[in-house]
Every structure is written in C-alpha cells, then in structure tokens.
C-alpha cells in the first residue's frame, strides 16, 4: 500500500565525544520505515526525527533543514540529519 512520498534522510556522525564503534564522518541513509542497520539505542532515538526531517518539518537549528541529535550515551556522538531532496515512496507490505 502506498503511504505517500518522503525524502530519504542522510545521517552522518559529526562529533565523537567518547567511545563508539562508529567513525567520525560515517554515514547512513534512512529509507522507508525500518531504516539502516545501526545501534538500536541510536536508531530508536533518531526514528521520530528522521520522519520529521524526511517530511520537511523545520528543526530548531538556525538552518531549519538540518537536525543535530546526540547519542543517548553521555559520552556518545552527535549526528546530523538532512533530507536528501530525492523524493521516493514509503511502502508498507
């Protein structure tokens, strides 16, 4: 069933404050409902913001198209979310 259009979201680590298995600059692209394989805690934190970003909702940043979110770990990482601008379809089986 077609659930509407969305823009895939690029997720990139922009700051690393402590220990993390991901590398500074590492990227993922979230497409559709399930998203990429990544740390479960980070994925659940990002999920609602990915969907808002994907649909064009404004962030709280000066550049309203960019979202910065911190990993749940107090010595974690900071991730930048940006919609790719390429429209796609969200599908649900």
N, C-alpha and C. Protein backbone atom coordinates (compact mmCIF):
# COMPACT_ATOMS: atom_id res chain seq x y z
N UNK A 1 0.84 -1.18 0.00
CA UNK A 1 0.00 0.00 0.00
C UNK A 1 0.89 1.24 0.00
N UNK A 2 0.58 2.18 -0.84
CA UNK A 2 1.34 3.42 -0.93
C UNK A 2 0.99 4.31 0.25
N UNK A 3 2.00 4.75 1.00
CA UNK A 3 1.77 5.59 2.18
C UNK A 3 2.24 7.02 1.97
N UNK A 4 2.52 7.43 0.73
CA UNK A 4 2.91 8.81 0.47
C UNK A 4 4.38 8.97 0.12
N UNK A 5 4.75 10.20 -0.15
CA UNK A 5 6.13 10.49 -0.52
C UNK A 5 6.95 10.89 0.69
N UNK A 6 8.21 10.61 0.60
CA UNK A 6 9.16 11.00 1.63
C UNK A 6 10.49 11.27 0.94
N UNK A 7 11.39 11.89 1.65
CA UNK A 7 12.74 12.10 1.15
C UNK A 7 13.67 11.26 2.03
N UNK A 8 14.50 10.39 1.44
CA UNK A 8 15.46 9.66 2.27
C UNK A 8 16.30 10.65 3.08
N UNK A 9 16.73 10.22 4.26
CA UNK A 9 17.48 11.08 5.16
C UNK A 9 18.90 10.56 5.32
N UNK A 10 19.88 11.44 5.09
CA UNK A 10 21.29 11.11 5.30
C UNK A 10 21.63 11.41 6.75
N UNK A 11 22.24 10.45 7.42
CA UNK A 11 22.62 10.56 8.83
C UNK A 11 24.14 10.45 8.89
N UNK A 12 24.81 11.48 9.42
CA UNK A 12 26.28 11.49 9.45
C UNK A 12 26.77 11.88 10.83
N UNK A 13 27.78 11.11 11.34
CA UNK A 13 28.38 11.46 12.62
C UNK A 13 29.26 12.69 12.42
N UNK A 14 28.99 13.76 13.21
CA UNK A 14 29.74 14.99 13.07
C UNK A 14 30.58 15.31 14.31
N UNK A 15 30.38 14.56 15.39
CA UNK A 15 31.18 14.77 16.60
C UNK A 15 31.24 13.47 17.38
N UNK A 16 32.43 13.17 17.90
CA UNK A 16 32.62 11.95 18.70
C UNK A 16 33.26 12.37 20.01
N UNK A 17 32.53 12.21 21.12
CA UNK A 17 32.99 12.66 22.43
C UNK A 17 33.58 11.55 23.28
N UNK A 18 33.35 10.35 22.91
CA UNK A 18 33.81 9.23 23.73
C UNK A 18 33.96 7.98 22.90
N UNK A 19 33.73 6.85 23.53
CA UNK A 19 33.88 5.57 22.85
C UNK A 19 32.63 5.24 22.06
N UNK A 20 32.84 4.82 20.84
CA UNK A 20 31.76 4.42 19.95
C UNK A 20 32.37 3.60 18.83
N UNK A 21 31.67 2.57 18.40
CA UNK A 21 32.21 1.74 17.32
C UNK A 21 32.13 2.43 15.96
N UNK A 22 31.30 3.47 15.84
CA UNK A 22 31.21 4.20 14.58
C UNK A 22 32.33 5.22 14.48
N UNK A 23 32.67 5.58 13.26
CA UNK A 23 33.77 6.51 13.00
C UNK A 23 33.23 7.91 12.66
N UNK A 24 33.99 8.92 13.03
CA UNK A 24 33.65 10.29 12.69
C UNK A 24 33.48 10.40 11.18
N UNK A 25 32.39 10.97 10.74
CA UNK A 25 32.11 11.10 9.31
C UNK A 25 31.34 9.94 8.71
N UNK A 26 31.16 8.86 9.48
CA UNK A 26 30.42 7.70 8.96
C UNK A 26 28.98 8.10 8.66
N UNK A 27 28.43 7.57 7.57
CA UNK A 27 27.09 7.93 7.12
C UNK A 27 26.20 6.72 6.95
N UNK A 28 24.92 6.98 7.13
CA UNK A 28 23.86 6.02 6.84
C UNK A 28 22.80 6.77 6.06
N UNK A 29 22.00 6.04 5.28
CA UNK A 29 20.83 6.65 4.63
C UNK A 29 19.62 5.87 5.11
N UNK A 30 18.66 6.60 5.64
CA UNK A 30 17.42 6.01 6.14
C UNK A 30 16.38 6.15 5.04
N UNK A 31 15.91 5.01 4.53
CA UNK A 31 14.88 4.99 3.50
C UNK A 31 13.75 4.09 3.98
N UNK A 32 12.54 4.53 3.83
CA UNK A 32 11.40 3.71 4.23
C UNK A 32 11.19 3.71 5.74
N UNK A 33 10.46 2.71 6.21
CA UNK A 33 10.07 2.66 7.62
C UNK A 33 11.13 2.08 8.54
N UNK A 34 11.86 1.09 8.09
CA UNK A 34 12.75 0.37 9.01
C UNK A 34 14.12 0.99 9.18
N UNK A 35 14.62 1.68 8.20
CA UNK A 35 15.92 2.33 8.32
C UNK A 35 17.09 1.38 8.21
N UNK A 36 18.30 1.92 8.35
CA UNK A 36 19.53 1.13 8.19
C UNK A 36 19.84 0.31 9.44
N UNK A 37 20.74 -0.65 9.29
CA UNK A 37 21.24 -1.41 10.45
C UNK A 37 22.20 -0.51 11.19
N UNK A 38 21.88 -0.23 12.45
CA UNK A 38 22.73 0.60 13.29
C UNK A 38 22.41 0.29 14.75
N UNK A 39 23.17 0.87 15.65
CA UNK A 39 22.98 0.71 17.08
C UNK A 39 21.51 0.91 17.43
N UNK A 40 20.92 -0.01 18.15
CA UNK A 40 19.50 0.04 18.48
C UNK A 40 19.09 1.28 19.26
N UNK A 41 19.88 1.67 20.27
CA UNK A 41 19.55 2.84 21.08
C UNK A 41 19.57 4.11 20.21
N UNK A 42 20.58 4.24 19.37
CA UNK A 42 20.68 5.40 18.49
C UNK A 42 19.52 5.41 17.49
N UNK A 43 19.23 4.26 16.93
CA UNK A 43 18.16 4.16 15.93
C UNK A 43 16.82 4.59 16.52
N UNK A 44 16.51 4.13 17.73
CA UNK A 44 15.24 4.49 18.35
C UNK A 44 15.19 5.98 18.70
N UNK A 45 16.32 6.56 19.08
CA UNK A 45 16.37 8.00 19.35
C UNK A 45 16.11 8.79 18.07
N UNK A 46 16.73 8.37 16.97
CA UNK A 46 16.64 9.11 15.71
C UNK A 46 15.30 8.96 15.00
N UNK A 47 14.63 7.82 15.20
CA UNK A 47 13.43 7.47 14.42
C UNK A 47 12.42 8.62 14.28
N UNK A 48 11.92 9.24 15.34
CA UNK A 48 10.90 10.28 15.13
C UNK A 48 11.44 11.50 14.38
N UNK A 49 12.70 11.82 14.61
CA UNK A 49 13.31 12.99 13.95
C UNK A 49 13.59 12.71 12.48
N UNK A 50 13.95 11.47 12.16
CA UNK A 50 14.15 11.09 10.75
C UNK A 50 12.86 11.31 9.98
N UNK A 51 11.74 10.89 10.55
CA UNK A 51 10.47 11.03 9.83
C UNK A 51 10.08 12.50 9.70
N UNK A 52 10.31 13.30 10.73
CA UNK A 52 10.01 14.73 10.62
C UNK A 52 10.90 15.39 9.57
N UNK A 53 12.18 15.07 9.59
CA UNK A 53 13.13 15.60 8.61
C UNK A 53 12.73 15.18 7.20
N UNK A 54 12.38 13.91 7.04
CA UNK A 54 12.00 13.36 5.76
C UNK A 54 10.81 14.08 5.14
N UNK A 55 9.89 14.49 6.00
CA UNK A 55 8.67 15.14 5.52
C UNK A 55 8.81 16.65 5.43
N UNK A 56 9.99 17.19 5.77
CA UNK A 56 10.24 18.62 5.61
C UNK A 56 9.89 19.48 6.81
N UNK A 57 9.63 18.88 7.97
CA UNK A 57 9.35 19.68 9.17
C UNK A 57 10.60 20.47 9.55
N UNK A 58 10.44 21.70 10.03
CA UNK A 58 11.61 22.51 10.41
C UNK A 58 12.22 22.06 11.73
N UNK A 59 13.55 22.11 11.81
CA UNK A 59 14.23 21.79 13.06
C UNK A 59 14.35 23.04 13.91
N UNK A 60 14.95 22.92 15.07
CA UNK A 60 15.18 24.04 15.99
C UNK A 60 16.49 24.75 15.70
N UNK A 61 17.25 24.30 14.71
CA UNK A 61 18.54 24.89 14.36
C UNK A 61 18.35 26.17 13.53
N UNK A 62 19.42 26.95 13.39
CA UNK A 62 19.37 28.15 12.55
C UNK A 62 19.01 27.77 11.13
N UNK A 63 19.66 26.72 10.60
CA UNK A 63 19.29 26.15 9.29
C UNK A 63 18.20 25.12 9.57
N UNK A 64 16.97 25.46 9.32
CA UNK A 64 15.82 24.64 9.68
C UNK A 64 15.76 23.29 8.97
N UNK A 65 16.60 23.07 7.95
CA UNK A 65 16.61 21.80 7.23
C UNK A 65 17.59 20.80 7.82
N UNK A 66 18.35 21.22 8.85
CA UNK A 66 19.37 20.34 9.45
C UNK A 66 18.98 20.03 10.89
N UNK A 67 19.14 18.79 11.26
CA UNK A 67 18.83 18.32 12.61
C UNK A 67 20.10 17.76 13.24
N UNK A 68 20.47 18.21 14.43
CA UNK A 68 21.60 17.66 15.17
C UNK A 68 21.06 16.96 16.40
N UNK A 69 21.43 15.69 16.57
CA UNK A 69 20.96 14.91 17.70
C UNK A 69 22.12 14.17 18.34
N UNK A 70 22.07 14.05 19.65
CA UNK A 70 23.12 13.36 20.40
C UNK A 70 22.71 11.94 20.72
N UNK A 71 23.67 11.06 20.66
CA UNK A 71 23.51 9.68 21.06
C UNK A 71 23.04 9.66 22.52
N UNK A 72 22.27 8.65 22.95
CA UNK A 72 21.82 8.57 24.33
C UNK A 72 22.96 8.43 25.36
N UNK A 73 24.12 7.97 24.93
CA UNK A 73 25.25 7.83 25.85
C UNK A 73 25.78 9.21 26.23
N UNK A 74 26.09 9.43 27.51
CA UNK A 74 26.59 10.74 27.94
C UNK A 74 27.95 11.08 27.33
N UNK A 75 28.69 10.08 26.89
CA UNK A 75 29.96 10.31 26.21
C UNK A 75 29.87 9.81 24.78
N UNK A 76 28.74 10.05 24.18
CA UNK A 76 28.46 9.49 22.86
C UNK A 76 28.88 10.35 21.70
N UNK A 77 27.98 10.46 20.75
CA UNK A 77 28.27 11.08 19.46
C UNK A 77 27.18 12.09 19.11
N UNK A 78 27.45 12.93 18.12
CA UNK A 78 26.45 13.85 17.60
C UNK A 78 26.25 13.51 16.13
N UNK A 79 24.99 13.45 15.72
CA UNK A 79 24.64 13.05 14.37
C UNK A 79 23.86 14.16 13.68
N UNK A 80 24.17 14.39 12.40
CA UNK A 80 23.48 15.36 11.57
C UNK A 80 22.51 14.62 10.67
N UNK A 81 21.27 15.07 10.65
CA UNK A 81 20.24 14.51 9.78
C UNK A 81 19.89 15.55 8.73
N UNK A 82 19.88 15.15 7.47
CA UNK A 82 19.48 16.02 6.37
C UNK A 82 18.71 15.21 5.34
N UNK A 83 17.57 15.73 4.90
CA UNK A 83 16.82 15.08 3.83
C UNK A 83 17.64 15.18 2.55
N UNK A 84 17.65 14.14 1.76
CA UNK A 84 18.45 14.14 0.53
C UNK A 84 17.82 14.97 -0.57
N UNK A 85 16.53 15.25 -0.46
CA UNK A 85 15.83 16.01 -1.50
C UNK A 85 15.32 15.16 -2.63
N UNK A 86 15.68 13.87 -2.62
CA UNK A 86 15.20 12.94 -3.63
C UNK A 86 13.90 12.34 -3.12
N UNK A 87 12.83 12.56 -3.85
CA UNK A 87 11.54 12.03 -3.41
C UNK A 87 11.44 10.56 -3.73
N UNK A 88 10.87 9.82 -2.81
CA UNK A 88 10.65 8.40 -3.00
C UNK A 88 9.28 8.05 -2.48
N UNK A 89 8.99 6.79 -2.42
CA UNK A 89 7.71 6.33 -1.90
C UNK A 89 7.94 5.50 -0.64
N UNK A 90 7.09 5.71 0.34
CA UNK A 90 7.09 4.84 1.53
C UNK A 90 6.10 3.71 1.24
N UNK A 91 6.54 2.51 1.43
CA UNK A 91 5.68 1.36 1.18
C UNK A 91 5.52 0.55 2.44
N UNK A 92 4.34 0.04 2.65
CA UNK A 92 4.08 -0.86 3.77
C UNK A 92 3.48 -2.11 3.15
N UNK A 93 4.03 -3.27 3.51
CA UNK A 93 3.53 -4.53 2.94
C UNK A 93 2.19 -4.88 3.54
